[in-house]
Amino acid sequence: MTKEQLIQSLDYVNATREKRMQMTRSVMGNPKLLAPLLQIAFEGQNPVCDKACWILEYVVKQNPEFILPYINNFTQGLHTLKSESSIRPMAKICEILSKAFFSRKPNNIQTVLSLDHLERMASACFDWLIGDHKVASKAYSMTSLFLLGKTFDWIHPELKLVLEQNYASGSSAYKARARLTLDKLNALKPC
């Protein structure tokens, strides 16, 4: 399937789980489609770009290792996203990758992700956390940042400060996730 054919296929994807899963199965059956899918995802503000991000999220949920050959493109493109419909699934992918990286169970993600990849993910997650974004993107970012703070010692104090500053003005969902994250931060033993 060419990139143009992939764009046409994505055009038929809608928000229903059935359509998303159908396209996800196509991509997982042909992993070479991930490269053009990532290109489309980062091409700008276009409904097809959003749909590419949705499918990428579903693919990574099914098998996080599918993205590893393209991890440089993924982490380098994060800062280019503008659409909330693209940011939310990409924030979820960052959360999935962070959880896998910090898992006690050895996996390939731990060997492939470099400090540069983690730093780019942390930078994007902070942008999404402090920016004018919906709560889902912020919640996924909180989880990723908490985990990434195990590698980068500057993250936890900054994360705590941002959550405390924005807690009062946050939605109920934001407050719930912020409370969980703050509890985890407060439970850490000071170095």
N, C-alpha and C. Protein backbone atom coordinates (compact mmCIF):
# COMPACT_ATOMS: atom_id res chain seq x y z
N MET A 1 0.86 -1.17 0.00
CA MET A 1 0.00 0.00 0.00
C MET A 1 0.90 1.24 0.00
N THR A 2 0.62 2.15 -0.90
CA THR A 2 1.39 3.39 -0.97
C THR A 2 0.89 4.37 0.09
N LYS A 3 1.64 5.44 0.28
CA LYS A 3 1.23 6.46 1.23
C LYS A 3 -0.12 7.07 0.83
N GLU A 4 -0.30 7.28 -0.45
CA GLU A 4 -1.56 7.85 -0.94
C GLU A 4 -2.74 6.90 -0.68
N GLN A 5 -2.51 5.61 -0.88
CA GLN A 5 -3.55 4.63 -0.59
C GLN A 5 -3.84 4.57 0.91
N LEU A 6 -2.79 4.71 1.72
CA LEU A 6 -2.97 4.74 3.16
C LEU A 6 -3.81 5.95 3.58
N ILE A 7 -3.53 7.09 2.97
CA ILE A 7 -4.32 8.30 3.25
C ILE A 7 -5.78 8.07 2.89
N GLN A 8 -6.03 7.44 1.75
CA GLN A 8 -7.41 7.15 1.34
C GLN A 8 -8.08 6.20 2.33
N SER A 9 -7.35 5.20 2.79
CA SER A 9 -7.91 4.26 3.77
C SER A 9 -8.20 4.96 5.09
N LEU A 10 -7.30 5.85 5.51
CA LEU A 10 -7.51 6.60 6.75
C LEU A 10 -8.72 7.51 6.66
N ASP A 11 -9.00 7.99 5.45
CA ASP A 11 -10.14 8.89 5.26
C ASP A 11 -11.46 8.20 5.62
N TYR A 12 -11.50 6.87 5.52
CA TYR A 12 -12.71 6.13 5.85
C TYR A 12 -12.81 5.76 7.33
N VAL A 13 -11.73 6.00 8.06
CA VAL A 13 -11.74 5.72 9.50
C VAL A 13 -12.54 6.81 10.19
N ASN A 14 -13.38 6.39 11.14
CA ASN A 14 -14.09 7.37 11.96
C ASN A 14 -13.84 7.05 13.42
N ALA A 15 -14.54 7.71 14.29
CA ALA A 15 -14.28 7.56 15.73
C ALA A 15 -14.77 6.23 16.31
N THR A 16 -15.46 5.43 15.52
CA THR A 16 -15.96 4.17 16.06
C THR A 16 -14.81 3.19 16.28
N ARG A 17 -14.95 2.41 17.31
CA ARG A 17 -13.93 1.42 17.66
C ARG A 17 -13.75 0.40 16.52
N GLU A 18 -14.85 0.04 15.90
CA GLU A 18 -14.82 -0.95 14.82
C GLU A 18 -13.93 -0.49 13.66
N LYS A 19 -14.12 0.73 13.20
CA LYS A 19 -13.33 1.25 12.08
C LYS A 19 -11.86 1.40 12.47
N ARG A 20 -11.61 1.86 13.70
CA ARG A 20 -10.23 2.02 14.15
C ARG A 20 -9.53 0.66 14.23
N MET A 21 -10.22 -0.33 14.76
CA MET A 21 -9.62 -1.66 14.90
C MET A 21 -9.38 -2.30 13.53
N GLN A 22 -10.29 -2.06 12.60
CA GLN A 22 -10.13 -2.60 11.25
C GLN A 22 -8.84 -2.06 10.63
N MET A 23 -8.60 -0.76 10.75
CA MET A 23 -7.39 -0.15 10.20
C MET A 23 -6.16 -0.60 10.99
N THR A 24 -6.30 -0.76 12.29
CA THR A 24 -5.19 -1.22 13.13
C THR A 24 -4.74 -2.60 12.70
N ARG A 25 -5.69 -3.47 12.44
CA ARG A 25 -5.36 -4.83 11.99
C ARG A 25 -4.61 -4.78 10.65
N SER A 26 -5.01 -3.88 9.77
CA SER A 26 -4.31 -3.75 8.48
C SER A 26 -2.86 -3.34 8.69
N VAL A 27 -2.64 -2.39 9.58
CA VAL A 27 -1.27 -1.91 9.83
C VAL A 27 -0.45 -2.99 10.53
N MET A 28 -1.05 -3.68 11.49
CA MET A 28 -0.31 -4.72 12.19
C MET A 28 0.00 -5.90 11.27
N GLY A 29 -0.84 -6.14 10.29
CA GLY A 29 -0.59 -7.18 9.31
C GLY A 29 0.50 -6.81 8.32
N ASN A 30 0.77 -5.52 8.22
CA ASN A 30 1.81 -5.02 7.32
C ASN A 30 2.59 -3.92 8.03
N PRO A 31 3.52 -4.27 8.93
CA PRO A 31 4.23 -3.28 9.75
C PRO A 31 5.00 -2.22 8.95
N LYS A 32 5.24 -2.48 7.66
CA LYS A 32 5.92 -1.47 6.84
C LYS A 32 5.05 -0.22 6.69
N LEU A 33 3.78 -0.34 6.99
CA LEU A 33 2.88 0.82 6.90
C LEU A 33 3.12 1.82 8.03
N LEU A 34 3.86 1.41 9.06
CA LEU A 34 4.10 2.32 10.18
C LEU A 34 4.90 3.55 9.77
N ALA A 35 5.86 3.40 8.88
CA ALA A 35 6.67 4.55 8.44
C ALA A 35 5.79 5.61 7.78
N PRO A 36 4.98 5.26 6.75
CA PRO A 36 4.12 6.29 6.18
C PRO A 36 3.03 6.77 7.14
N LEU A 37 2.58 5.89 8.03
CA LEU A 37 1.57 6.29 9.02
C LEU A 37 2.13 7.39 9.92
N LEU A 38 3.38 7.22 10.36
CA LEU A 38 4.02 8.26 11.17
C LEU A 38 4.20 9.55 10.38
N GLN A 39 4.59 9.45 9.12
CA GLN A 39 4.74 10.65 8.28
C GLN A 39 3.42 11.41 8.22
N ILE A 40 2.35 10.69 7.98
CA ILE A 40 1.02 11.31 7.89
C ILE A 40 0.65 11.94 9.23
N ALA A 41 0.94 11.26 10.32
CA ALA A 41 0.58 11.75 11.66
C ALA A 41 1.21 13.10 11.95
N PHE A 42 2.43 13.32 11.45
CA PHE A 42 3.15 14.55 11.77
C PHE A 42 3.10 15.59 10.65
N GLU A 43 2.21 15.41 9.68
CA GLU A 43 2.18 16.34 8.55
C GLU A 43 1.41 17.62 8.80
N GLY A 44 0.70 17.73 9.88
CA GLY A 44 0.00 18.99 10.13
C GLY A 44 -1.39 18.79 10.67
N GLN A 45 -2.14 19.88 10.64
CA GLN A 45 -3.50 19.85 11.16
C GLN A 45 -4.45 19.48 10.03
N ASN A 46 -4.81 18.23 10.01
CA ASN A 46 -5.65 17.68 8.98
C ASN A 46 -6.37 16.50 9.63
N PRO A 47 -7.65 16.32 9.38
CA PRO A 47 -8.35 15.19 10.01
C PRO A 47 -7.68 13.84 9.74
N VAL A 48 -7.04 13.67 8.60
CA VAL A 48 -6.37 12.41 8.29
C VAL A 48 -5.15 12.24 9.21
N CYS A 49 -4.48 13.34 9.54
CA CYS A 49 -3.34 13.28 10.47
C CYS A 49 -3.81 12.80 11.84
N ASP A 50 -4.93 13.33 12.28
CA ASP A 50 -5.50 12.90 13.56
C ASP A 50 -5.81 11.41 13.53
N LYS A 51 -6.39 10.95 12.44
CA LYS A 51 -6.75 9.54 12.31
C LYS A 51 -5.51 8.65 12.31
N ALA A 52 -4.43 9.13 11.71
CA ALA A 52 -3.18 8.38 11.73
C ALA A 52 -2.68 8.22 13.17
N CYS A 53 -2.84 9.27 13.97
CA CYS A 53 -2.44 9.20 15.38
C CYS A 53 -3.32 8.21 16.14
N TRP A 54 -4.62 8.21 15.84
CA TRP A 54 -5.52 7.26 16.50
C TRP A 54 -5.07 5.83 16.23
N ILE A 55 -4.76 5.54 14.96
CA ILE A 55 -4.38 4.19 14.58
C ILE A 55 -3.04 3.83 15.21
N LEU A 56 -2.13 4.78 15.23
CA LEU A 56 -0.83 4.54 15.87
C LEU A 56 -1.01 4.16 17.33
N GLU A 57 -1.91 4.86 18.02
CA GLU A 57 -2.18 4.55 19.43
C GLU A 57 -2.68 3.10 19.56
N TYR A 58 -3.62 2.72 18.73
CA TYR A 58 -4.18 1.37 18.79
C TYR A 58 -3.11 0.32 18.50
N VAL A 59 -2.23 0.60 17.53
CA VAL A 59 -1.15 -0.34 17.20
C VAL A 59 -0.22 -0.50 18.40
N VAL A 60 0.16 0.62 19.01
CA VAL A 60 1.09 0.57 20.14
C VAL A 60 0.43 -0.08 21.36
N LYS A 61 -0.87 0.12 21.54
CA LYS A 61 -1.57 -0.58 22.62
C LYS A 61 -1.50 -2.09 22.43
N GLN A 62 -1.63 -2.52 21.19
CA GLN A 62 -1.60 -3.95 20.88
C GLN A 62 -0.19 -4.51 21.05
N ASN A 63 0.79 -3.77 20.55
CA ASN A 63 2.18 -4.22 20.63
C ASN A 63 3.12 -3.01 20.60
N PRO A 64 3.56 -2.55 21.78
CA PRO A 64 4.41 -1.35 21.85
C PRO A 64 5.71 -1.47 21.04
N GLU A 65 6.18 -2.67 20.82
CA GLU A 65 7.45 -2.84 20.11
C GLU A 65 7.34 -2.52 18.61
N PHE A 66 6.13 -2.44 18.08
CA PHE A 66 5.97 -2.11 16.67
C PHE A 66 6.56 -0.75 16.33
N ILE A 67 6.56 0.17 17.30
CA ILE A 67 7.02 1.53 17.02
C ILE A 67 8.54 1.66 17.13
N LEU A 68 9.19 0.68 17.70
CA LEU A 68 10.63 0.81 17.99
C LEU A 68 11.50 1.11 16.76
N PRO A 69 11.26 0.53 15.59
CA PRO A 69 12.10 0.90 14.44
C PRO A 69 11.95 2.38 14.03
N TYR A 70 10.89 3.01 14.50
CA TYR A 70 10.59 4.39 14.10
C TYR A 70 10.62 5.35 15.29
N ILE A 71 11.26 4.92 16.37
CA ILE A 71 11.21 5.69 17.62
C ILE A 71 11.85 7.08 17.46
N ASN A 72 12.89 7.20 16.63
CA ASN A 72 13.48 8.52 16.40
C ASN A 72 12.46 9.46 15.77
N ASN A 73 11.78 8.99 14.71
CA ASN A 73 10.77 9.82 14.04
C ASN A 73 9.65 10.18 15.00
N PHE A 74 9.24 9.20 15.80
CA PHE A 74 8.15 9.44 16.75
C PHE A 74 8.53 10.53 17.75
N THR A 75 9.66 10.36 18.42
CA THR A 75 10.02 11.32 19.48
C THR A 75 10.39 12.69 18.90
N GLN A 76 10.96 12.73 17.72
CA GLN A 76 11.30 14.02 17.11
C GLN A 76 10.07 14.76 16.62
N GLY A 77 9.01 14.05 16.28
CA GLY A 77 7.81 14.69 15.77
C GLY A 77 6.84 15.18 16.83
N LEU A 78 7.01 14.75 18.07
CA LEU A 78 6.05 15.07 19.12
C LEU A 78 5.82 16.57 19.28
N HIS A 79 6.89 17.35 19.20
CA HIS A 79 6.75 18.79 19.43
C HIS A 79 6.02 19.52 18.30
N THR A 80 5.79 18.85 17.18
CA THR A 80 5.14 19.49 16.04
C THR A 80 3.62 19.42 16.11
N LEU A 81 3.09 18.59 16.99
CA LEU A 81 1.65 18.37 17.04
C LEU A 81 0.92 19.59 17.58
N LYS A 82 -0.20 19.93 16.94
CA LYS A 82 -1.01 21.07 17.37
C LYS A 82 -2.45 20.67 17.70
N SER A 83 -2.97 19.71 16.97
CA SER A 83 -4.36 19.30 17.12
C SER A 83 -4.54 18.44 18.37
N GLU A 84 -5.56 18.76 19.15
CA GLU A 84 -5.85 17.99 20.36
C GLU A 84 -6.16 16.53 20.01
N SER A 85 -6.77 16.32 18.84
CA SER A 85 -7.10 14.96 18.41
C SER A 85 -5.85 14.15 18.05
N SER A 86 -4.74 14.82 17.83
CA SER A 86 -3.46 14.14 17.61
C SER A 86 -2.66 14.03 18.90
N ILE A 87 -2.72 15.06 19.72
CA ILE A 87 -1.92 15.09 20.95
C ILE A 87 -2.36 14.00 21.92
N ARG A 88 -3.68 13.81 22.10
CA ARG A 88 -4.15 12.83 23.07
C ARG A 88 -3.63 11.42 22.79
N PRO A 89 -3.74 10.89 21.56
CA PRO A 89 -3.21 9.55 21.33
C PRO A 89 -1.68 9.48 21.44
N MET A 90 -1.00 10.55 21.07
CA MET A 90 0.46 10.54 21.18
C MET A 90 0.90 10.61 22.64
N ALA A 91 0.14 11.33 23.45
CA ALA A 91 0.43 11.36 24.90
C ALA A 91 0.21 9.96 25.49
N LYS A 92 -0.81 9.27 25.01
CA LYS A 92 -1.07 7.90 25.47
C LYS A 92 0.08 6.98 25.07
N ILE A 93 0.61 7.15 23.87
CA ILE A 93 1.74 6.34 23.44
C ILE A 93 2.95 6.61 24.33
N CYS A 94 3.18 7.88 24.67
CA CYS A 94 4.28 8.21 25.58
C CYS A 94 4.09 7.50 26.92
N GLU A 95 2.85 7.47 27.41
CA GLU A 95 2.58 6.79 28.67
C GLU A 95 2.86 5.28 28.55
N ILE A 96 2.42 4.68 27.46
CA ILE A 96 2.64 3.24 27.24
C ILE A 96 4.14 2.95 27.19
N LEU A 97 4.88 3.76 26.46
CA LEU A 97 6.32 3.56 26.33
C LEU A 97 7.03 3.78 27.66
N SER A 98 6.60 4.80 28.41
CA SER A 98 7.21 5.07 29.72
C SER A 98 6.97 3.90 30.68
N LYS A 99 5.74 3.40 30.70
CA LYS A 99 5.44 2.26 31.57
C LYS A 99 6.27 1.04 31.19
N ALA A 100 6.41 0.80 29.90
CA ALA A 100 7.20 -0.35 29.46
C ALA A 100 8.68 -0.15 29.79
N PHE A 101 9.18 1.07 29.61
CA PHE A 101 10.59 1.35 29.88
C PHE A 101 10.91 1.14 31.36
N PHE A 102 10.01 1.53 32.23
CA PHE A 102 10.26 1.42 33.67
C PHE A 102 9.68 0.15 34.29
N SER A 103 9.23 -0.77 33.45
CA SER A 103 8.71 -2.05 33.92
C SER A 103 9.83 -2.87 34.54
N ARG A 104 9.48 -3.65 35.54
CA ARG A 104 10.46 -4.56 36.15
C ARG A 104 10.73 -5.76 35.25
N LYS A 105 9.79 -6.03 34.37
CA LYS A 105 9.94 -7.15 33.44
C LYS A 105 10.79 -6.67 32.24
N PRO A 106 11.93 -7.30 32.00
CA PRO A 106 12.78 -6.89 30.88
C PRO A 106 12.03 -6.95 29.54
N ASN A 107 12.27 -5.95 28.70
CA ASN A 107 11.63 -5.91 27.39
C ASN A 107 12.51 -5.11 26.42
N ASN A 108 12.20 -5.20 25.15
CA ASN A 108 13.00 -4.54 24.12
C ASN A 108 12.94 -3.02 24.19
N ILE A 109 11.87 -2.49 24.71
CA ILE A 109 11.74 -1.03 24.82
C ILE A 109 12.84 -0.47 25.71
N GLN A 110 13.18 -1.20 26.74
CA GLN A 110 14.23 -0.77 27.66
C GLN A 110 15.59 -0.71 26.98
N THR A 111 15.81 -1.54 26.00
CA THR A 111 17.11 -1.53 25.32
C THR A 111 17.17 -0.56 24.15
N VAL A 112 16.02 -0.21 23.58
CA VAL A 112 16.00 0.66 22.40
C VAL A 112 15.89 2.14 22.76
N LEU A 113 15.05 2.47 23.74
CA LEU A 113 14.88 3.88 24.09
C LEU A 113 16.15 4.44 24.71
N SER A 114 16.62 5.53 24.15
CA SER A 114 17.83 6.19 24.64
C SER A 114 17.44 7.36 25.54
N LEU A 115 18.44 7.95 26.18
CA LEU A 115 18.17 9.14 26.99
C LEU A 115 17.61 10.28 26.13
N ASP A 116 18.06 10.39 24.88
CA ASP A 116 17.52 11.42 23.99
C ASP A 116 16.03 11.19 23.73
N HIS A 117 15.64 9.95 23.49
CA HIS A 117 14.22 9.64 23.27
C HIS A 117 13.41 10.01 24.51
N LEU A 118 13.90 9.61 25.67
CA LEU A 118 13.19 9.90 26.92
C LEU A 118 13.09 11.40 27.17
N GLU A 119 14.16 12.10 26.87
CA GLU A 119 14.16 13.55 27.08
C GLU A 119 13.16 14.25 26.15
N ARG A 120 13.10 13.81 24.91
CA ARG A 120 12.13 14.41 23.97
C ARG A 120 10.70 14.12 24.42
N MET A 121 10.47 12.90 24.93
CA MET A 121 9.14 12.57 25.45
C MET A 121 8.82 13.45 26.65
N ALA A 122 9.77 13.63 27.55
CA ALA A 122 9.56 14.47 28.74
C ALA A 122 9.24 15.90 28.35
N SER A 123 9.97 16.43 27.39
CA SER A 123 9.75 17.80 26.94
C SER A 123 8.33 17.96 26.36
N ALA A 124 7.92 17.02 25.51
CA ALA A 124 6.58 17.09 24.93
C ALA A 124 5.51 16.96 26.01
N CYS A 125 5.72 16.04 26.95
CA CYS A 125 4.73 15.84 28.02
C CYS A 125 4.60 17.09 28.89
N PHE A 126 5.71 17.76 29.19
CA PHE A 126 5.61 19.00 29.96
C PHE A 126 4.85 20.07 29.17
N ASP A 127 5.13 20.17 27.87
CA ASP A 127 4.39 21.13 27.04
C ASP A 127 2.90 20.86 27.09
N TRP A 128 2.53 19.57 27.02
CA TRP A 128 1.10 19.21 27.03
C TRP A 128 0.49 19.43 28.41
N LEU A 129 1.27 19.22 29.44
CA LEU A 129 0.77 19.39 30.80
C LEU A 129 0.50 20.86 31.12
N ILE A 130 1.39 21.74 30.71
CA ILE A 130 1.23 23.17 31.04
C ILE A 130 0.46 23.93 29.98
N GLY A 131 0.28 23.33 28.81
CA GLY A 131 -0.43 24.00 27.73
C GLY A 131 -1.94 23.92 27.90
N ASP A 132 -2.62 24.55 26.98
CA ASP A 132 -4.08 24.58 27.00
C ASP A 132 -4.60 23.33 26.28
N HIS A 133 -4.57 22.22 26.98
CA HIS A 133 -4.97 20.94 26.40
C HIS A 133 -6.04 20.29 27.28
N LYS A 134 -6.69 19.30 26.70
CA LYS A 134 -7.73 18.59 27.44
C LYS A 134 -7.11 17.69 28.51
N VAL A 135 -7.94 17.28 29.45
CA VAL A 135 -7.46 16.57 30.62
C VAL A 135 -6.83 15.22 30.29
N ALA A 136 -7.29 14.54 29.27
CA ALA A 136 -6.71 13.23 28.94
C ALA A 136 -5.24 13.37 28.58
N SER A 137 -4.92 14.34 27.75
CA SER A 137 -3.52 14.57 27.37
C SER A 137 -2.69 14.92 28.60
N LYS A 138 -3.24 15.72 29.48
CA LYS A 138 -2.54 16.11 30.71
C LYS A 138 -2.35 14.91 31.63
N ALA A 139 -3.37 14.08 31.74
CA ALA A 139 -3.30 12.91 32.63
C ALA A 139 -2.24 11.92 32.15
N TYR A 140 -2.23 11.63 30.86
CA TYR A 140 -1.21 10.73 30.32
C TYR A 140 0.19 11.33 30.53
N SER A 141 0.28 12.63 30.37
CA SER A 141 1.57 13.32 30.55
C SER A 141 2.03 13.24 32.00
N MET A 142 1.11 13.37 32.95
CA MET A 142 1.48 13.27 34.37
C MET A 142 2.12 11.92 34.67
N THR A 143 1.49 10.86 34.18
CA THR A 143 2.01 9.51 34.42
C THR A 143 3.39 9.35 33.79
N SER A 144 3.52 9.78 32.54
CA SER A 144 4.82 9.67 31.85
C SER A 144 5.89 10.45 32.60
N LEU A 145 5.56 11.67 32.99
CA LEU A 145 6.55 12.51 33.68
C LEU A 145 6.94 11.94 35.03
N PHE A 146 5.98 11.39 35.76
CA PHE A 146 6.33 10.78 37.03
C PHE A 146 7.36 9.67 36.80
N LEU A 147 7.11 8.83 35.81
CA LEU A 147 8.03 7.73 35.52
C LEU A 147 9.37 8.24 34.99
N LEU A 148 9.33 9.20 34.09
CA LEU A 148 10.56 9.75 33.52
C LEU A 148 11.41 10.45 34.58
N GLY A 149 10.76 10.90 35.64
CA GLY A 149 11.48 11.53 36.74
C GLY A 149 12.39 10.57 37.47
N LYS A 150 12.23 9.28 37.23
CA LYS A 150 13.14 8.29 37.81
C LYS A 150 14.50 8.34 37.12
N THR A 151 14.52 8.88 35.91
CA THR A 151 15.77 9.00 35.16
C THR A 151 16.31 10.42 35.21
N PHE A 152 15.43 11.40 35.13
CA PHE A 152 15.85 12.81 35.12
C PHE A 152 15.43 13.46 36.43
N ASP A 153 16.41 13.77 37.27
CA ASP A 153 16.10 14.24 38.63
C ASP A 153 15.43 15.61 38.67
N TRP A 154 15.47 16.37 37.61
CA TRP A 154 14.83 17.69 37.58
C TRP A 154 13.32 17.59 37.39
N ILE A 155 12.81 16.45 36.91
CA ILE A 155 11.40 16.34 36.55
C ILE A 155 10.49 16.36 37.78
N HIS A 156 10.77 15.58 38.79
CA HIS A 156 9.85 15.48 39.93
C HIS A 156 9.59 16.82 40.61
N PRO A 157 10.61 17.63 40.91
CA PRO A 157 10.30 18.93 41.53
C PRO A 157 9.46 19.84 40.62
N GLU A 158 9.77 19.83 39.32
CA GLU A 158 9.01 20.65 38.38
C GLU A 158 7.58 20.15 38.25
N LEU A 159 7.42 18.84 38.17
CA LEU A 159 6.09 18.25 38.05
C LEU A 159 5.25 18.59 39.28
N LYS A 160 5.83 18.45 40.44
CA LYS A 160 5.12 18.76 41.68
C LYS A 160 4.69 20.23 41.70
N LEU A 161 5.58 21.11 41.30
CA LEU A 161 5.27 22.54 41.28
C LEU A 161 4.11 22.84 40.34
N VAL A 162 4.16 22.28 39.13
CA VAL A 162 3.09 22.51 38.14
C VAL A 162 1.76 21.98 38.65
N LEU A 163 1.76 20.78 39.21
CA LEU A 163 0.51 20.19 39.69
C LEU A 163 -0.08 21.00 40.85
N GLU A 164 0.76 21.44 41.76
CA GLU A 164 0.27 22.24 42.90
C GLU A 164 -0.26 23.59 42.43
N GLN A 165 0.40 24.20 41.46
CA GLN A 165 -0.04 25.51 40.96
C GLN A 165 -1.36 25.42 40.21
N ASN A 166 -1.57 24.34 39.48
CA ASN A 166 -2.75 24.24 38.63
C ASN A 166 -3.89 23.44 39.24
N TYR A 167 -3.67 22.90 40.43
CA TYR A 167 -4.66 22.03 41.06
C TYR A 167 -6.00 22.74 41.26
N ALA A 168 -5.97 23.92 41.83
CA ALA A 168 -7.21 24.63 42.18
C ALA A 168 -8.06 24.95 40.95
N SER A 169 -7.43 25.23 39.83
CA SER A 169 -8.19 25.62 38.64
C SER A 169 -8.50 24.44 37.72
N GLY A 170 -8.04 23.24 38.09
CA GLY A 170 -8.24 22.07 37.24
C GLY A 170 -9.64 21.49 37.35
N SER A 171 -10.02 20.72 36.35
CA SER A 171 -11.31 20.03 36.36
C SER A 171 -11.26 18.92 37.40
N SER A 172 -12.39 18.30 37.64
CA SER A 172 -12.44 17.19 38.60
C SER A 172 -11.52 16.05 38.16
N ALA A 173 -11.52 15.75 36.87
CA ALA A 173 -10.67 14.67 36.36
C ALA A 173 -9.18 15.04 36.51
N TYR A 174 -8.86 16.30 36.24
CA TYR A 174 -7.48 16.76 36.40
C TYR A 174 -7.06 16.64 37.87
N LYS A 175 -7.93 17.08 38.76
CA LYS A 175 -7.62 17.03 40.19
C LYS A 175 -7.42 15.59 40.67
N ALA A 176 -8.23 14.68 40.16
CA ALA A 176 -8.11 13.27 40.57
C ALA A 176 -6.76 12.71 40.17
N ARG A 177 -6.34 12.93 38.92
CA ARG A 177 -5.05 12.41 38.47
C ARG A 177 -3.90 13.16 39.14
N ALA A 178 -4.06 14.46 39.32
CA ALA A 178 -3.01 15.24 39.99
C ALA A 178 -2.82 14.76 41.43
N ARG A 179 -3.93 14.47 42.11
CA ARG A 179 -3.86 13.97 43.49
C ARG A 179 -3.07 12.66 43.55
N LEU A 180 -3.39 11.75 42.64
CA LEU A 180 -2.67 10.46 42.59
C LEU A 180 -1.17 10.68 42.36
N THR A 181 -0.87 11.56 41.43
CA THR A 181 0.54 11.82 41.09
C THR A 181 1.25 12.51 42.25
N LEU A 182 0.58 13.47 42.87
CA LEU A 182 1.19 14.17 44.01
C LEU A 182 1.42 13.21 45.18
N ASP A 183 0.48 12.30 45.39
CA ASP A 183 0.66 11.30 46.45
C ASP A 183 1.91 10.45 46.19
N LYS A 184 2.08 10.06 44.93
CA LYS A 184 3.27 9.27 44.57
C LYS A 184 4.55 10.09 44.76
N LEU A 185 4.48 11.36 44.35
CA LEU A 185 5.66 12.23 44.50
C LEU A 185 6.01 12.43 45.96
N ASN A 186 4.99 12.64 46.78
CA ASN A 186 5.21 12.87 48.21
C ASN A 186 5.70 11.61 48.94
N ALA A 187 5.38 10.44 48.36
CA ALA A 187 5.80 9.18 48.98
C ALA A 187 7.27 8.85 48.68
N LEU A 188 7.84 9.54 47.69
CA LEU A 188 9.25 9.27 47.37
C LEU A 188 10.14 9.71 48.49
N LYS A 189 11.16 8.93 48.73
CA LYS A 189 12.11 9.29 49.78
C LYS A 189 13.07 10.33 49.23
N PRO A 190 13.28 11.41 49.98
CA PRO A 190 14.24 12.42 49.50
C PRO A 190 15.64 11.84 49.44
N CYS A 191 16.37 12.27 48.44
CA CYS A 191 17.75 11.79 48.28
C CYS A 191 18.68 12.45 49.26
